[in-house]
Protein backbone atom coordinates (compact mmCIF):
# COMPACT_ATOMS: atom_id res chain seq x y z
CA MET A 1 -12.75 7.19 13.22
CA HIS A 2 -12.99 5.89 9.66
CA TYR A 3 -10.56 4.56 7.09
CA LEU A 4 -10.75 6.14 3.64
CA THR A 5 -8.88 5.49 0.38
CA ILE A 6 -9.23 7.34 -2.92
CA SER A 7 -7.66 5.31 -5.70
CA PHE A 8 -6.53 6.20 -9.22
CA THR A 9 -5.05 3.22 -11.09
CA HIS A 10 -4.38 1.83 -14.56
CA LYS A 11 -7.90 0.37 -14.35
CA ASN A 12 -9.80 3.64 -14.03
CA THR A 13 -7.45 6.46 -15.07
CA ASP A 14 -5.27 6.78 -18.16
CA ILE A 15 -1.61 7.67 -17.91
CA LYS A 16 -2.09 11.30 -19.01
CA ILE A 17 -4.12 12.00 -15.88
CA ARG A 18 -2.11 9.72 -13.59
CA GLU A 19 1.10 11.57 -14.37
CA LYS A 20 -0.58 14.86 -13.40
CA LEU A 21 -1.62 13.29 -10.12
CA SER A 22 1.78 11.69 -9.54
CA PHE A 23 3.69 12.46 -6.34
CA ALA A 24 7.13 11.29 -7.46
CA ASP A 25 8.49 14.63 -6.24
CA GLU A 26 8.78 14.55 -2.43
CA THR A 27 8.30 18.30 -2.03
CA LYS A 28 5.07 18.12 -4.00
CA LYS A 29 3.94 15.19 -1.87
CA THR A 30 4.80 16.95 1.40
CA ASN A 31 3.00 20.13 0.39
CA PHE A 32 -0.13 18.25 -0.63
CA MET A 33 -0.18 16.22 2.58
CA CYS A 34 0.17 19.45 4.55
CA THR A 35 -2.83 20.76 2.62
CA LEU A 36 -4.87 17.68 3.52
CA GLN A 37 -3.95 18.06 7.19
CA LYS A 38 -5.64 21.47 7.17
CA SER A 39 -9.00 19.75 6.88
CA PRO A 40 -10.67 19.37 10.30
CA PHE A 41 -11.83 15.90 9.25
CA ILE A 42 -8.55 14.35 8.02
CA ASN A 43 -6.30 13.05 10.80
CA GLU A 44 -3.60 10.93 9.12
CA THR A 45 -2.46 10.46 5.52
CA ILE A 46 -0.29 8.16 3.43
CA ILE A 47 0.20 8.71 -0.31
CA LEU A 48 1.25 5.81 -2.50
CA SER A 49 2.42 6.99 -5.92
CA THR A 50 3.78 4.47 -8.46
CA CYS A 51 3.80 4.11 -12.23
CA ASN A 52 0.40 2.40 -12.10
CA ARG A 53 -1.42 4.06 -9.24
CA VAL A 54 -1.97 7.01 -6.93
CA GLU A 55 -3.62 6.10 -3.63
CA ILE A 56 -4.66 8.66 -1.02
CA ILE A 57 -4.96 6.65 2.21
CA CYS A 58 -6.43 8.42 5.25
CA SER A 59 -7.91 8.05 8.67
CA VAL A 60 -10.75 10.55 9.00
CA SER A 61 -13.44 11.58 11.44
CA GLU A 62 -16.04 12.02 8.69
CA CYS A 63 -15.94 10.40 5.25
CA SER A 64 -18.16 12.53 3.00
CA GLU A 65 -16.57 15.84 4.03
CA SER A 66 -13.08 14.37 3.65
CA ILE A 67 -13.86 12.97 0.19
CA GLU A 68 -15.16 16.35 -0.98
CA TYR A 69 -12.09 18.14 0.37
CA ILE A 70 -9.59 15.68 -1.16
CA PHE A 71 -11.16 15.85 -4.63
CA THR A 72 -11.22 19.65 -4.47
CA LYS A 73 -7.53 19.81 -3.61
CA LEU A 74 -6.60 17.16 -6.20
CA SER A 75 -8.42 19.20 -8.84
CA GLU A 76 -6.51 22.33 -7.86
CA LEU A 77 -3.24 20.40 -7.97
CA SER A 78 -3.77 18.59 -11.28
CA HIS A 79 -5.86 21.24 -13.08
CA PHE A 80 -8.38 18.56 -14.01
CA PRO A 81 -12.09 19.24 -13.32
CA LYS A 82 -13.16 17.89 -9.95
CA GLU A 83 -16.13 16.09 -11.53
CA ASP A 84 -13.82 14.21 -13.92
CA LEU A 85 -11.62 13.04 -11.06
CA GLU A 86 -14.64 11.93 -9.02
CA GLU A 87 -15.96 9.97 -11.99
CA ARG A 88 -12.69 8.11 -12.50
CA ALA A 89 -11.58 7.37 -8.95
CA ASP A 90 -12.54 4.39 -6.85
CA VAL A 91 -13.47 5.44 -3.31
CA TYR A 92 -13.27 2.95 -0.44
CA GLU A 93 -14.48 3.47 3.12
CA ASP A 94 -13.82 1.54 6.33
CA ASN A 95 -13.93 -2.23 5.60
CA GLY A 96 -13.66 -1.50 1.88
CA ALA A 97 -10.62 0.72 2.41
CA ILE A 98 -8.79 -1.94 4.42
CA HIS A 99 -9.73 -4.72 2.01
CA HIS A 100 -8.44 -2.61 -0.90
CA LEU A 101 -5.21 -1.81 0.96
CA PHE A 102 -4.60 -5.49 1.72
CA SER A 103 -5.32 -6.37 -1.93
CA VAL A 104 -2.90 -3.73 -3.21
CA ALA A 105 -0.11 -4.91 -0.90
CA SER A 106 -0.72 -8.50 -1.96
CA SER A 107 -0.28 -7.38 -5.62
CA LEU A 108 -3.82 -8.50 -6.48
CA ASP A 109 -4.69 -5.04 -7.80
CA SER A 110 -1.46 -4.54 -9.75
CA LEU A 111 -1.11 -4.25 -13.51
CA VAL A 112 1.13 -7.31 -13.15
CA ILE A 113 -0.58 -9.73 -10.74
CA GLY A 114 1.99 -11.18 -8.36
CA GLU A 115 4.63 -8.47 -8.86
CA THR A 116 6.84 -7.98 -5.84
CA GLN A 117 7.67 -4.27 -5.96
CA ILE A 118 4.45 -3.01 -4.44
CA VAL A 119 5.21 -4.02 -0.83
CA GLY A 120 8.48 -2.08 -0.89
CA GLN A 121 6.71 0.92 -2.42
CA LEU A 122 4.07 0.80 0.30
CA LYS A 123 6.72 0.54 3.01
CA ASP A 124 8.49 3.58 1.55
CA ALA A 125 5.21 5.53 1.48
CA PHE A 126 4.46 4.51 5.08
CA LYS A 127 7.94 5.48 6.28
CA PHE A 128 7.71 8.83 4.51
CA SER A 129 4.44 9.63 6.29
CA VAL A 130 5.73 8.51 9.69
CA ASP A 131 8.99 10.44 9.32
CA ASN A 132 7.14 13.61 8.33
CA GLY A 133 4.44 13.41 10.99
CA PHE A 134 1.49 12.54 8.72
CA CYS A 135 0.91 9.04 10.07
CA GLY A 136 0.09 8.00 13.61
CA GLN A 137 -1.62 5.20 15.48
CA LYS A 138 -4.66 4.62 13.24
CA LEU A 139 -2.88 4.18 9.91
CA GLY A 140 0.07 2.58 11.68
CA ARG A 141 -2.20 -0.22 12.87
CA ALA A 142 -3.59 -0.68 9.37
CA MET A 143 -0.18 -0.72 7.69
CA HIS A 144 1.34 -3.30 10.03
CA HIS A 145 -1.58 -5.61 9.32
CA THR A 146 -1.27 -4.82 5.62
CA PHE A 147 2.31 -6.08 5.52
CA ARG A 148 1.35 -9.13 7.56
CA CYS A 149 -1.44 -9.96 5.10
CA ALA A 150 0.87 -9.53 2.10
CA ALA A 151 3.45 -11.83 3.69
CA ASN A 152 0.75 -14.42 4.35
CA VAL A 153 -0.37 -14.29 0.71
CA ARG A 154 3.19 -14.77 -0.52
CA ALA A 155 3.79 -17.65 1.89
CA SER A 156 0.47 -19.42 1.24
CA THR A 157 0.24 -19.13 -2.56
CA ASP A 158 2.43 -19.33 -5.65
CA ILE A 159 1.19 -15.97 -6.90
CA SER A 160 4.67 -14.44 -6.66
CA LYS A 161 6.48 -17.50 -7.97
CA ASN A 162 8.78 -16.47 -10.81
CA PRO A 163 8.04 -12.83 -9.91
CA ILE A 164 7.41 -10.35 -12.68
CA SER A 165 7.18 -6.58 -12.82
CA VAL A 166 6.39 -3.79 -15.26
CA SER A 167 10.09 -3.76 -16.10
CA SER A 168 10.16 -7.48 -16.87
CA VAL A 169 7.02 -7.13 -18.98
CA ALA A 170 8.68 -4.30 -20.94
CA VAL A 171 11.73 -6.48 -21.59
CA SER A 172 9.46 -9.34 -22.68
CA LYS A 173 7.72 -6.98 -25.09
CA ALA A 174 11.10 -5.96 -26.53
CA LYS A 175 12.00 -9.64 -27.03
CA GLU A 176 8.67 -10.22 -28.73
CA LEU A 177 9.22 -7.30 -31.12
CA LEU A 178 12.82 -8.13 -32.01
CA GLY A 179 12.60 -11.89 -31.78
CA SER A 180 15.56 -11.93 -29.36
CA LEU A 181 17.68 -9.55 -27.29
CA GLU A 182 20.78 -11.71 -27.61
CA ASN A 183 23.78 -9.35 -28.08
CA ILE A 184 21.43 -6.39 -28.65
CA GLU A 185 22.75 -3.08 -27.25
CA VAL A 186 20.23 -1.79 -24.70
CA VAL A 187 20.15 1.57 -22.91
CA VAL A 188 18.51 1.90 -19.48
CA VAL A 189 17.92 5.48 -18.35
CA GLY A 190 17.79 5.88 -14.56
CA ALA A 191 19.24 4.00 -11.59
CA GLY A 192 16.21 3.32 -9.40
CA GLU A 193 14.38 0.07 -8.67
CA MET A 194 12.50 0.00 -11.99
CA SER A 195 15.79 0.51 -13.83
CA ARG A 196 17.47 -2.19 -11.75
CA LEU A 197 14.81 -4.70 -12.77
CA ALA A 198 15.02 -3.66 -16.42
CA VAL A 199 18.81 -4.16 -16.36
CA GLN A 200 18.52 -7.57 -14.71
CA HIS A 201 15.90 -8.87 -17.14
CA ALA A 202 17.71 -7.46 -20.17
CA LEU A 203 20.93 -9.18 -19.07
CA THR A 204 19.08 -12.45 -18.53
CA SER A 205 17.80 -12.13 -22.10
CA GLY A 206 21.36 -11.82 -23.41
CA ALA A 207 21.42 -8.08 -24.04
CA LYS A 208 24.41 -5.78 -23.57
CA VAL A 209 23.36 -3.02 -21.18
CA THR A 210 24.46 0.57 -20.62
CA ILE A 211 23.02 2.60 -17.74
CA VAL A 212 22.68 6.35 -18.28
CA ASN A 213 21.96 8.45 -15.20
CA ARG A 214 22.31 12.03 -13.95
CA ASN A 215 24.27 10.77 -10.97
CA LEU A 216 27.07 8.69 -12.46
CA GLU A 217 28.07 7.36 -9.04
CA ASN A 218 24.60 5.85 -8.53
CA ALA A 219 24.73 4.32 -12.01
CA GLN A 220 28.12 2.75 -11.29
CA LYS A 221 26.92 1.45 -7.93
CA LEU A 222 23.95 -0.22 -9.61
CA ALA A 223 26.16 -1.70 -12.33
CA ASP A 224 28.62 -3.08 -9.76
CA GLU A 225 25.81 -4.67 -7.76
CA ILE A 226 24.28 -6.41 -10.77
CA ASN A 227 27.03 -7.41 -13.19
CA SER A 228 30.54 -6.27 -13.97
CA CYS A 229 29.70 -6.37 -17.68
CA VAL A 230 27.17 -3.52 -17.37
CA SER A 231 28.46 -0.21 -18.72
CA VAL A 232 27.60 3.24 -17.40
CA ALA A 233 27.54 6.64 -19.07
CA PRO A 234 26.94 10.23 -17.94
CA TYR A 235 23.61 11.90 -18.61
CA SER A 236 25.30 14.27 -21.06
CA LYS A 237 25.71 11.29 -23.42
CA LEU A 238 22.00 10.41 -23.45
CA SER A 239 21.35 11.94 -26.89
CA ASP A 240 24.24 9.96 -28.36
CA PHE A 241 23.01 6.66 -26.96
CA ILE A 242 19.34 6.98 -27.95
CA ASN A 243 20.46 7.63 -31.53
CA LYS A 244 22.99 4.81 -31.48
CA TYR A 245 21.10 1.89 -29.93
CA GLN A 246 17.90 0.10 -30.89
CA VAL A 247 16.24 -0.47 -27.51
CA ILE A 248 15.81 2.15 -24.78
CA PHE A 249 14.14 1.66 -21.39
CA SER A 250 13.54 4.79 -19.32
CA ALA A 251 12.46 4.99 -15.65
CA THR A 252 13.98 8.09 -14.07
CA GLY A 253 11.26 9.38 -11.77
CA ALA A 254 11.90 12.89 -13.13
CA PRO A 255 8.95 15.32 -12.95
CA HIS A 256 9.39 16.16 -16.65
CA SER A 257 10.26 14.42 -19.93
CA VAL A 258 13.92 13.46 -20.35
CA ILE A 259 13.77 12.26 -23.97
CA THR A 260 12.18 14.76 -26.36
CA ASN A 261 11.85 15.33 -30.12
CA ASP A 262 14.77 17.75 -30.30
CA MET A 263 17.10 14.93 -29.17
CA ILE A 264 16.04 12.51 -31.92
CA GLU A 265 18.15 12.14 -35.04
CA ASP A 266 17.19 10.37 -38.25
CA VAL A 267 18.82 6.92 -38.35
CA SER A 268 18.54 3.93 -40.67
CA PHE A 269 17.38 1.36 -38.10
CA LYS A 270 14.15 0.85 -36.17
CA ARG A 271 14.16 2.00 -32.51
CA TYR A 272 11.96 0.88 -29.63
CA PHE A 273 11.45 3.16 -26.64
CA PHE A 274 9.92 1.75 -23.45
CA ASP A 275 8.69 4.41 -21.06
CA ILE A 276 8.08 2.71 -17.70
CA ALA A 277 7.99 5.93 -15.67
CA VAL A 278 5.09 8.01 -14.35
CA PRO A 279 5.20 10.91 -15.04
CA ARG A 280 6.37 9.77 -18.46
CA ASP A 281 10.02 10.21 -19.41
CA ILE A 282 9.57 10.10 -23.17
CA GLU A 283 7.77 12.66 -25.29
CA ILE A 284 8.62 11.98 -28.92
CA ASP A 285 6.65 11.45 -32.12
CA GLU A 286 6.26 7.93 -33.45
CA ASN A 287 6.92 7.01 -37.07
CA ASP A 288 7.86 3.96 -39.12
CA LYS A 289 11.30 3.89 -37.45
CA ILE A 290 10.29 4.87 -33.89
CA SER A 291 7.85 3.02 -31.62
CA VAL A 292 7.09 4.17 -28.08
CA TYR A 293 5.51 1.93 -25.45
CA ALA A 294 4.24 3.42 -22.18
CA VAL A 295 3.06 1.56 -19.08
CA ASP A 296 -0.53 1.32 -20.29
CA ASP A 297 0.58 -0.24 -23.59
CA LEU A 298 1.88 -3.34 -21.82
CA GLU A 299 -1.52 -4.63 -20.69
CA GLU A 300 -1.91 -7.28 -23.40
CA ILE A 301 1.06 -9.30 -22.14
CA VAL A 302 -0.14 -8.76 -18.58
CA THR A 303 -3.52 -10.27 -19.48
CA ALA A 304 -1.81 -13.52 -20.42
CA ASN A 305 0.00 -13.45 -17.08
CA LEU A 306 -3.29 -12.93 -15.27
CA ALA A 307 -4.78 -16.10 -16.75
CA LEU A 308 -1.83 -18.14 -15.49
CA ARG A 309 -2.17 -16.77 -11.96
CA GLU A 310 -5.96 -16.64 -11.73
CA GLN A 311 -6.38 -19.70 -9.53
CA GLN A 312 -3.70 -18.55 -7.09
CA ALA A 313 -5.38 -15.13 -6.98
CA LYS A 314 -8.63 -16.76 -5.76
CA ILE A 315 -6.80 -18.27 -2.82
CA ALA A 316 -5.03 -14.96 -2.20
CA TYR A 317 -8.34 -13.08 -2.13
CA SER A 318 -9.67 -15.52 0.45
CA ILE A 319 -6.69 -14.65 2.65
CA VAL A 320 -7.29 -10.94 2.11
CA GLY A 321 -10.98 -11.33 2.99
CA ASN A 322 -10.18 -13.20 6.19
CA SER A 323 -7.45 -10.71 7.12
CA THR A 324 -9.93 -7.85 6.71
CA VAL A 325 -12.43 -9.51 9.06
CA GLU A 326 -9.71 -10.31 11.59
CA PHE A 327 -8.34 -6.76 11.49
CA PHE A 328 -11.67 -5.19 12.45
CA LYS A 329 -12.25 -7.86 15.06
CA TRP A 330 -8.84 -7.01 16.54
CA LEU A 331 -9.60 -3.27 16.41
CA GLN A 332 -12.72 -3.77 18.49
CA THR A 333 -10.72 -5.46 21.23
CA LEU A 334 -8.44 -2.42 21.49
CA SER A 335 -11.05 0.12 22.52
CA VAL A 336 -10.27 1.30 26.06
CA ASP A 337 -13.91 1.93 27.00
CA PRO A 338 -14.90 -1.77 26.97
CA ILE A 339 -11.71 -2.60 28.86
CA ILE A 340 -12.51 -0.04 31.57
CA LYS A 341 -16.09 -1.30 31.82
CA GLN A 342 -14.96 -4.91 32.08
CA LEU A 343 -12.40 -4.05 34.76
CA ARG A 344 -15.16 -2.40 36.81
CA ASP A 345 -17.59 -5.26 36.16
CA LYS A 346 -14.95 -7.81 37.16
CA ALA A 347 -14.26 -5.92 40.39
CA LYS A 348 -18.00 -5.72 41.13
CA GLU A 349 -18.50 -9.41 40.39
CA CYS A 350 -15.66 -10.43 42.71
CA SER A 351 -16.89 -8.21 45.56
CA LEU A 352 -20.48 -9.49 45.31
CA LYS A 353 -19.26 -13.10 45.39
CA GLU A 354 -17.23 -12.43 48.54
CA ILE A 355 -20.18 -10.66 50.19
CA GLU A 356 -22.47 -13.63 49.45
CA ARG A 357 -19.82 -16.02 50.78
CA ALA A 358 -19.43 -13.97 53.96
CA ILE A 359 -23.20 -13.95 54.52
CA LYS A 360 -23.44 -17.73 54.01
CA LYS A 361 -20.62 -18.32 56.51
CA GLY A 362 -22.24 -16.01 59.02
CA ASN A 363 -19.39 -13.53 58.90
CA LEU A 364 -21.65 -10.72 57.66
CA PRO A 365 -25.18 -9.99 58.84
CA LEU A 366 -27.63 -9.82 55.91
CA GLU A 367 -28.86 -6.37 56.96
CA TYR A 368 -25.33 -4.97 56.35
CA LYS A 369 -25.16 -6.29 52.77
CA GLU A 370 -26.37 -3.11 51.04
CA ASN A 371 -24.01 -0.83 52.99
CA VAL A 372 -21.01 -3.10 52.38
CA GLU A 373 -21.82 -3.18 48.65
CA LYS A 374 -21.82 0.63 48.59
CA ILE A 375 -18.52 0.81 50.47
CA LEU A 376 -16.86 -1.66 48.10
CA HIS A 377 -18.34 0.14 45.08
CA TYR A 378 -16.81 3.45 46.21
CA ALA A 379 -13.52 1.74 47.11
CA PHE A 380 -13.16 0.11 43.69
CA ASN A 381 -14.13 3.33 41.91
CA SER A 382 -11.47 5.15 43.87
CA PHE A 383 -8.92 2.41 43.18
CA LEU A 384 -9.70 2.35 39.42
CA HIS A 385 -9.87 6.12 38.98
CA HIS A 386 -6.18 6.59 38.16
CA PRO A 387 -5.90 3.52 35.86
CA THR A 388 -9.04 4.69 34.04
CA LYS A 389 -7.65 8.19 33.58
CA THR A 390 -4.29 6.82 32.39
CA LEU A 391 -5.90 4.42 29.92
CA LYS A 392 -7.91 7.23 28.34
CA GLU A 393 -4.80 9.40 28.09
CA VAL A 394 -2.75 6.73 26.29
CA ALA A 395 -5.64 5.59 24.07
CA GLU A 396 -4.42 7.68 21.11
CA LYS A 397 -0.74 6.84 21.51
CA PRO A 398 1.08 4.12 19.53
CA GLU A 399 1.85 2.12 22.69
CA ALA A 400 -1.88 1.87 23.56
CA ASP A 401 -2.29 -1.42 21.68
CA THR A 402 0.41 -3.12 23.74
CA ILE A 403 -0.93 -1.71 27.02
CA VAL A 404 -4.53 -2.77 26.31
CA GLN A 405 -3.48 -6.27 25.29
CA SER A 406 -1.33 -6.59 28.43
CA ILE A 407 -4.26 -5.56 30.65
CA GLN A 408 -6.51 -8.07 28.90
CA GLU A 409 -3.98 -10.81 29.58
CA VAL A 410 -3.15 -9.84 33.18
CA PHE A 411 -6.82 -9.49 34.24
CA ASP A 412 -8.04 -12.35 32.01
CA ILE A 413 -10.39 -10.11 30.06
CA ASN A 414 -11.51 -11.77 26.85
CA GLU A 415 -14.02 -9.61 25.05
CA ASP A 416 -16.48 -11.64 22.99
CA VAL A 417 -16.44 -9.77 19.70
CA THR A 418 -18.98 -10.97 17.15
CA LYS A 419 -17.43 -11.50 13.75
CA ARG A 420 -18.68 -9.26 10.98
CA ILE A 421 -20.75 -11.33 8.57
CA ASN A 422 -20.07 -9.28 5.47
CA MET A 423 -18.81 -9.58 1.93
CA TYR A 424 -15.26 -10.16 3.12
CA LYS A 425 -16.23 -13.03 5.41
CA CYS A 426 -18.26 -14.58 2.59
CA GLU A 427 -15.31 -14.06 0.27
CA TYR A 428 -13.06 -15.93 2.68
CA GLN A 429 -15.48 -18.85 3.04
CA MET A 430 -15.97 -19.13 -0.72
CA GLY A 431 -12.21 -19.08 -1.27
CA MET A 432 -11.63 -21.81 1.28
CA MET A 433 -14.35 -23.97 -0.29
CA GLU A 434 -12.64 -23.64 -3.68
CA LYS A 435 -9.28 -24.50 -2.15
CA ASN A 436 -10.75 -27.59 -0.44
CA ASN A 437 -12.39 -28.70 -3.68
CA GLU A 438 -8.98 -28.54 -5.39
CA ILE A 439 -7.50 -30.77 -2.72
C-alpha cells in the first residue's frame, strides 16, 4: 500500500485552471471519486477543494499506474490537456505525501501562512469521503495523525496567533485602497465560512455590512450570530446593491459566475470587487471605475505576512518532519505479520526455556528433548491457529489498530522499529537545533 497526493495550488496553477478543477459541487465530487474507484490500483480517496487548492489524496496499490489514471480523468473532467496538468501539479508519494498532508493541515502550505480555515476544510473533506464510502482504514489512519500534527503545531508555535485568512486579507486590501472602511457600506455575497470571515473583519474595520444570499434564512442566521447591526437582503436585490455600494466581497461557492457584465450599471463612484471564491463569482470588465481582485491578486499582502511568521514556520516544519517520521514508525508496528511471528517466537522461547529447566532438574531425560519440542511446537501452532486467522481477517478493518496495540500490550511485544533516517528526520533535527539556538 502507498500514499499518493496530486496537488494543484496557488503556487503551481493559476486560478483559471484551478476553478476548472474545483470540486465545490458535491455531485461533481462524488462522480469523480466514483470514477477513481474504478481503477484497480486506487483503494481510497479524499478530495480537498478550496479557493487556493485542489488535492487528490489516495491510498493506492501502485503509484505510477494510479498517477497516470488520475491525470487522464482530470484532463477529461477539466478539458485541459493531460500534459499541461502533469506539468503544473506537484505529485507526492508515501513519506512525501504524508509530509505534504501534515504541512497543508498545519497551514504551512497556505496562501496565508497560519490561517485557521484549512483544518476545518480538511475535516469536511474527510467526513465527506467517510460518509460516502471512499475512505477506509488507510486514509483514516493518515487523517487522524494529520489533525494531531496540526493541533501540535498550533499549540507549540505562534503561527496562528492573530489568525488571518483570505477573507481578512481581502478586507485589508480594501482598507489599503480606500484608506479606511469606517462607515463604508459593504456588500458580502454568500453566507458560508469565507463570507462569515469577511463580514467579521469588515465590521471590525468599522464598515456597515449587508449580506446578500440566495437563501435569506441562512443570511439572517449568519447576521444574528455575528452582529445585530448586520443587514440582510434577498438575492434578487444583488444587482441593486452592487450598483449602490463601493465595496463588494463575493464568496458563494456557486459553480458559475454570480456577478456579470449585464448586471453592471454606470455610476459616478469607484467600485472595488473582491472575488474570494473558486470557481470565481465575478466575471466583469475592469475600467477606471471598476477594479476586480481575485484570490491570486492578494499575494503581495500575504508575502508581508509570510515574513512576519517565517521563524514560527521553521519550528512548525520541524514538528511536521518529526510527525512524519513517527507516523511511519507507528504504521510499521501495526502490521499483523510481525505480531503473529513474535507471538509464535515468544511461545517457542518460553517452551524451550521450560524444557531446559526440566532437563536441568532431572524431570525430563535429555533423549526426550527433541520429541517434547516437536509436541510443544504442534501444540502452540494449534493454539495460535485461530488467533492468527482472526488477526489476518481484521487486518483491513478500522478496529485493527486497537486490536494490534492491545495484543502488543497484553503479551509485552515491543517491536524494535528502526527510525527512518530521511529528509524529514533531518528536517526535524535542524528545526530543533534552530529552536535551541534561539533559547
